[in-house]
Amino acid sequence: MSYSWLFQVKGSRIYIEITDMDFKDKQTISTQISEYVSDNIINGIWNAGDRLPSVREYASEVEVNVNTILKSYNQLELDGIIVKKRGIGYFVTENAQKIIEDEKRKEFIRYQLPEFLKVVKMLNLTLNDLKPYFKTLELTGEKK
């Protein structure tokens, strides 16, 4: 999925909103949209209590069928990430950030970490070889 970026200022913080989607064949479009919404929540674009774009509005924005957005929103609702308020719209739940972080952590440990460790072993990298990169994360203020 490729994105273009929209910078927004809210108070003293600058937020980066992912605005364009370029769908890939490896996942269904509804899954990619769910991940896009989750990414916006975990990156602070949408916070607890924020209203998401309406199904029709979002479908028009990303140029997909309304049913595709509805399927994505329904899955996010089942996962406890968003909640539908009848007649008003979909809203980010209070614990959405934690739910997403927990799920992304599990996915990372299950899928990405083994591949990373495989490459580390293949290249005979040591912990000392990798330490400077972890220090870079600490200096940039990335989450631990």
C-alpha atoms as a PDB file:
ATOM      1  CA  MET A   1       0.000   0.000   0.000  1.00  0.00           C
ATOM      2  CA  SER A   2       1.436   3.404  -0.829  1.00  0.00           C
ATOM      3  CA  TYR A   3       0.371   6.588   0.832  1.00  0.00           C
ATOM      4  CA  SER A   4       0.597  10.299   0.396  1.00  0.00           C
ATOM      5  CA  TRP A   5       0.927  12.436   3.480  1.00  0.00           C
ATOM      6  CA  LEU A   6      -1.150  15.312   4.831  1.00  0.00           C
ATOM      7  CA  PHE A   7       0.329  17.287   7.700  1.00  0.00           C
ATOM      8  CA  GLN A   8      -2.097  18.697  10.264  1.00  0.00           C
ATOM      9  CA  VAL A   9      -1.419  20.839  13.288  1.00  0.00           C
ATOM     10  CA  LYS A  10      -3.511  20.166  16.400  1.00  0.00           C
ATOM     11  CA  GLY A  11      -2.378  22.312  19.299  1.00  0.00           C
ATOM     12  CA  SER A  12       1.382  21.991  19.531  1.00  0.00           C
ATOM     13  CA  ARG A  13       1.563  18.602  17.774  1.00  0.00           C
ATOM     14  CA  ILE A  14       1.921  17.882  14.084  1.00  0.00           C
ATOM     15  CA  TYR A  15       0.041  14.853  12.796  1.00  0.00           C
ATOM     16  CA  ILE A  16       0.682  13.002   9.589  1.00  0.00           C
ATOM     17  CA  GLU A  17      -2.474  11.664   7.977  1.00  0.00           C
ATOM     18  CA  ILE A  18      -2.252   9.020   5.338  1.00  0.00           C
ATOM     19  CA  THR A  19      -4.560  10.244   2.592  1.00  0.00           C
ATOM     20  CA  ASP A  20      -4.259   8.139  -0.561  1.00  0.00           C
ATOM     21  CA  MET A  21      -4.448   4.404  -0.847  1.00  0.00           C
ATOM     22  CA  ASP A  22      -2.928   2.230  -3.507  1.00  0.00           C
ATOM     23  CA  PHE A  23      -4.426  -1.206  -2.989  1.00  0.00           C
ATOM     24  CA  LYS A  24      -2.334  -4.361  -3.296  1.00  0.00           C
ATOM     25  CA  ASP A  25      -3.403  -7.851  -4.279  1.00  0.00           C
ATOM     26  CA  LYS A  26      -2.018  -9.699  -1.222  1.00  0.00           C
ATOM     27  CA  GLN A  27      -4.904  -8.620   1.031  1.00  0.00           C
ATOM     28  CA  THR A  28      -8.537  -7.851   0.479  1.00  0.00           C
ATOM     29  CA  ILE A  29      -9.364  -4.183   0.069  1.00  0.00           C
ATOM     30  CA  SER A  30     -11.524  -4.273   3.198  1.00  0.00           C
ATOM     31  CA  THR A  31      -8.577  -5.640   5.225  1.00  0.00           C
ATOM     32  CA  GLN A  32      -6.306  -2.918   3.838  1.00  0.00           C
ATOM     33  CA  ILE A  33      -8.866  -0.267   4.778  1.00  0.00           C
ATOM     34  CA  SER A  34      -9.136  -1.715   8.296  1.00  0.00           C
ATOM     35  CA  GLU A  35      -5.346  -1.534   8.619  1.00  0.00           C
ATOM     36  CA  TYR A  36      -5.364   2.027   7.302  1.00  0.00           C
ATOM     37  CA  VAL A  37      -7.924   3.066   9.939  1.00  0.00           C
ATOM     38  CA  SER A  38      -5.932   1.234  12.629  1.00  0.00           C
ATOM     39  CA  ASP A  39      -2.714   2.950  11.500  1.00  0.00           C
ATOM     40  CA  ASN A  40      -4.404   6.351  11.734  1.00  0.00           C
ATOM     41  CA  ILE A  41      -5.562   5.524  15.268  1.00  0.00           C
ATOM     42  CA  ILE A  42      -2.202   4.202  16.449  1.00  0.00           C
ATOM     43  CA  ASN A  43      -0.425   7.229  14.929  1.00  0.00           C
ATOM     44  CA  GLY A  44      -2.719   9.683  16.720  1.00  0.00           C
ATOM     45  CA  ILE A  45      -4.631  10.940  13.686  1.00  0.00           C
ATOM     46  CA  TRP A  46      -7.881   9.650  15.168  1.00  0.00           C
ATOM     47  CA  ASN A  47      -8.141   9.501  18.960  1.00  0.00           C
ATOM     48  CA  ALA A  48     -10.612   7.969  21.394  1.00  0.00           C
ATOM     49  CA  GLY A  49     -14.009   9.530  20.815  1.00  0.00           C
ATOM     50  CA  ASP A  50     -13.180  10.886  17.355  1.00  0.00           C
ATOM     51  CA  ARG A  51     -15.778  10.371  14.648  1.00  0.00           C
ATOM     52  CA  LEU A  52     -14.633   8.470  11.561  1.00  0.00           C
ATOM     53  CA  PRO A  53     -15.721   9.516   8.086  1.00  0.00           C
ATOM     54  CA  SER A  54     -19.176   8.195   7.209  1.00  0.00           C
ATOM     55  CA  VAL A  55     -19.308   4.994   5.182  1.00  0.00           C
ATOM     56  CA  ARG A  56     -20.414   6.849   2.049  1.00  0.00           C
ATOM     57  CA  GLU A  57     -17.938   9.694   2.546  1.00  0.00           C
ATOM     58  CA  TYR A  58     -15.040   7.292   3.043  1.00  0.00           C
ATOM     59  CA  ALA A  59     -16.063   5.097   0.103  1.00  0.00           C
ATOM     60  CA  SER A  60     -16.083   8.168  -2.117  1.00  0.00           C
ATOM     61  CA  GLU A  61     -12.728   9.356  -0.742  1.00  0.00           C
ATOM     62  CA  VAL A  62     -10.879   6.077  -1.407  1.00  0.00           C
ATOM     63  CA  GLU A  63     -12.969   5.191  -4.467  1.00  0.00           C
ATOM     64  CA  VAL A  64     -14.344   1.839  -3.358  1.00  0.00           C
ATOM     65  CA  ASN A  65     -17.796   0.361  -2.982  1.00  0.00           C
ATOM     66  CA  VAL A  66     -19.772   1.414   0.108  1.00  0.00           C
ATOM     67  CA  ASN A  67     -20.106  -2.265   1.079  1.00  0.00           C
ATOM     68  CA  THR A  68     -16.309  -2.575   1.244  1.00  0.00           C
ATOM     69  CA  ILE A  69     -16.089   0.251   3.787  1.00  0.00           C
ATOM     70  CA  LEU A  70     -19.022  -1.204   5.688  1.00  0.00           C
ATOM     71  CA  LYS A  71     -17.248  -4.582   5.855  1.00  0.00           C
ATOM     72  CA  SER A  72     -14.096  -2.864   7.194  1.00  0.00           C
ATOM     73  CA  TYR A  73     -16.018  -0.863   9.777  1.00  0.00           C
ATOM     74  CA  ASN A  74     -17.967  -3.944  10.870  1.00  0.00           C
ATOM     75  CA  GLN A  75     -14.729  -5.868  11.442  1.00  0.00           C
ATOM     76  CA  LEU A  76     -13.210  -2.967  13.360  1.00  0.00           C
ATOM     77  CA  GLU A  77     -16.370  -2.823  15.461  1.00  0.00           C
ATOM     78  CA  LEU A  78     -16.165  -6.569  16.183  1.00  0.00           C
ATOM     79  CA  ASP A  79     -12.531  -6.054  17.224  1.00  0.00           C
ATOM     80  CA  GLY A  80     -13.587  -3.322  19.679  1.00  0.00           C
ATOM     81  CA  ILE A  81     -11.678  -0.587  17.838  1.00  0.00           C
ATOM     82  CA  ILE A  82     -14.665   1.490  16.767  1.00  0.00           C
ATOM     83  CA  VAL A  83     -18.280   1.703  17.866  1.00  0.00           C
ATOM     84  CA  LYS A  84     -21.356   2.644  15.867  1.00  0.00           C
ATOM     85  CA  LYS A  85     -23.706   5.193  17.377  1.00  0.00           C
ATOM     86  CA  ARG A  86     -26.992   4.809  15.563  1.00  0.00           C
ATOM     87  CA  GLY A  87     -27.808   7.779  13.384  1.00  0.00           C
ATOM     88  CA  ILE A  88     -24.559   9.553  14.277  1.00  0.00           C
ATOM     89  CA  GLY A  89     -21.730   7.442  12.872  1.00  0.00           C
ATOM     90  CA  TYR A  90     -18.679   5.427  13.858  1.00  0.00           C
ATOM     91  CA  PHE A  91     -16.368   6.521  16.671  1.00  0.00           C
ATOM     92  CA  VAL A  92     -12.981   5.398  17.995  1.00  0.00           C
ATOM     93  CA  THR A  93     -13.362   3.480  21.278  1.00  0.00           C
ATOM     94  CA  GLU A  94     -11.519   4.409  24.474  1.00  0.00           C
ATOM     95  CA  ASN A  95      -9.263   1.343  24.329  1.00  0.00           C
ATOM     96  CA  ALA A  96      -8.729   1.223  20.553  1.00  0.00           C
ATOM     97  CA  GLN A  97      -5.075   2.256  20.765  1.00  0.00           C
ATOM     98  CA  LYS A  98      -4.257  -0.569  23.207  1.00  0.00           C
ATOM     99  CA  ILE A  99      -6.196  -3.157  21.191  1.00  0.00           C
ATOM    100  CA  ILE A 100      -4.328  -2.186  18.014  1.00  0.00           C
ATOM    101  CA  GLU A 101      -0.921  -2.064  19.726  1.00  0.00           C
ATOM    102  CA  ASP A 102      -1.484  -5.507  21.278  1.00  0.00           C
ATOM    103  CA  GLU A 103      -2.523  -6.993  17.931  1.00  0.00           C
ATOM    104  CA  LYS A 104       0.358  -5.381  16.023  1.00  0.00           C
ATOM    105  CA  ARG A 105       2.801  -6.629  18.682  1.00  0.00           C
ATOM    106  CA  LYS A 106       1.481 -10.182  18.277  1.00  0.00           C
ATOM    107  CA  GLU A 107       1.729  -9.952  14.479  1.00  0.00           C
ATOM    108  CA  PHE A 108       5.262  -8.565  14.680  1.00  0.00           C
ATOM    109  CA  ILE A 109       6.433 -11.314  17.024  1.00  0.00           C
ATOM    110  CA  ARG A 110       4.729 -14.024  14.988  1.00  0.00           C
ATOM    111  CA  TYR A 111       5.634 -12.929  11.438  1.00  0.00           C
ATOM    112  CA  GLN A 112       8.230 -10.165  11.201  1.00  0.00           C
ATOM    113  CA  LEU A 113      10.564 -10.957  14.097  1.00  0.00           C
ATOM    114  CA  PRO A 114      11.347 -14.516  12.908  1.00  0.00           C
ATOM    115  CA  GLU A 115      12.244 -13.130   9.461  1.00  0.00           C
ATOM    116  CA  PHE A 116      14.383 -10.427  11.045  1.00  0.00           C
ATOM    117  CA  LEU A 117      16.196 -12.966  13.229  1.00  0.00           C
ATOM    118  CA  LYS A 118      16.706 -15.224  10.231  1.00  0.00           C
ATOM    119  CA  VAL A 119      18.479 -12.389   8.387  1.00  0.00           C
ATOM    120  CA  VAL A 120      20.500 -11.471  11.495  1.00  0.00           C
ATOM    121  CA  LYS A 121      21.704 -15.066  11.746  1.00  0.00           C
ATOM    122  CA  MET A 122      22.367 -15.362   8.016  1.00  0.00           C
ATOM    123  CA  LEU A 123      24.518 -12.202   8.062  1.00  0.00           C
ATOM    124  CA  ASN A 124      26.237 -13.171  11.339  1.00  0.00           C
ATOM    125  CA  LEU A 125      25.210  -9.876  12.937  1.00  0.00           C
ATOM    126  CA  THR A 126      25.796  -9.460  16.652  1.00  0.00           C
ATOM    127  CA  LEU A 127      23.922  -7.478  19.256  1.00  0.00           C
ATOM    128  CA  ASN A 128      26.773  -4.962  19.150  1.00  0.00           C
ATOM    129  CA  ASP A 129      26.201  -4.547  15.403  1.00  0.00           C
ATOM    130  CA  LEU A 130      22.555  -3.692  16.057  1.00  0.00           C
ATOM    131  CA  LYS A 131      22.923  -1.492  19.167  1.00  0.00           C
ATOM    132  CA  PRO A 132      23.489   1.764  17.225  1.00  0.00           C
ATOM    133  CA  TYR A 133      20.133   1.292  15.485  1.00  0.00           C
ATOM    134  CA  PHE A 134      18.308   0.778  18.760  1.00  0.00           C
ATOM    135  CA  LYS A 135      19.987   3.887  20.162  1.00  0.00           C
ATOM    136  CA  THR A 136      18.708   5.811  17.126  1.00  0.00           C
ATOM    137  CA  LEU A 137      15.155   4.827  18.106  1.00  0.00           C
ATOM    138  CA  GLU A 138      15.713   6.147  21.631  1.00  0.00           C
ATOM    139  CA  LEU A 139      17.105   9.461  20.360  1.00  0.00           C
ATOM    140  CA  THR A 140      14.235  10.080  17.963  1.00  0.00           C
ATOM    141  CA  GLY A 141      11.666   9.550  20.695  1.00  0.00           C
ATOM    142  CA  GLU A 142      10.135   6.467  19.100  1.00  0.00           C
ATOM    143  CA  LYS A 143       7.927   4.356  21.365  1.00  0.00           C
ATOM    144  CA  LYS A 144       9.643   1.473  23.102  1.00  0.00           C
END
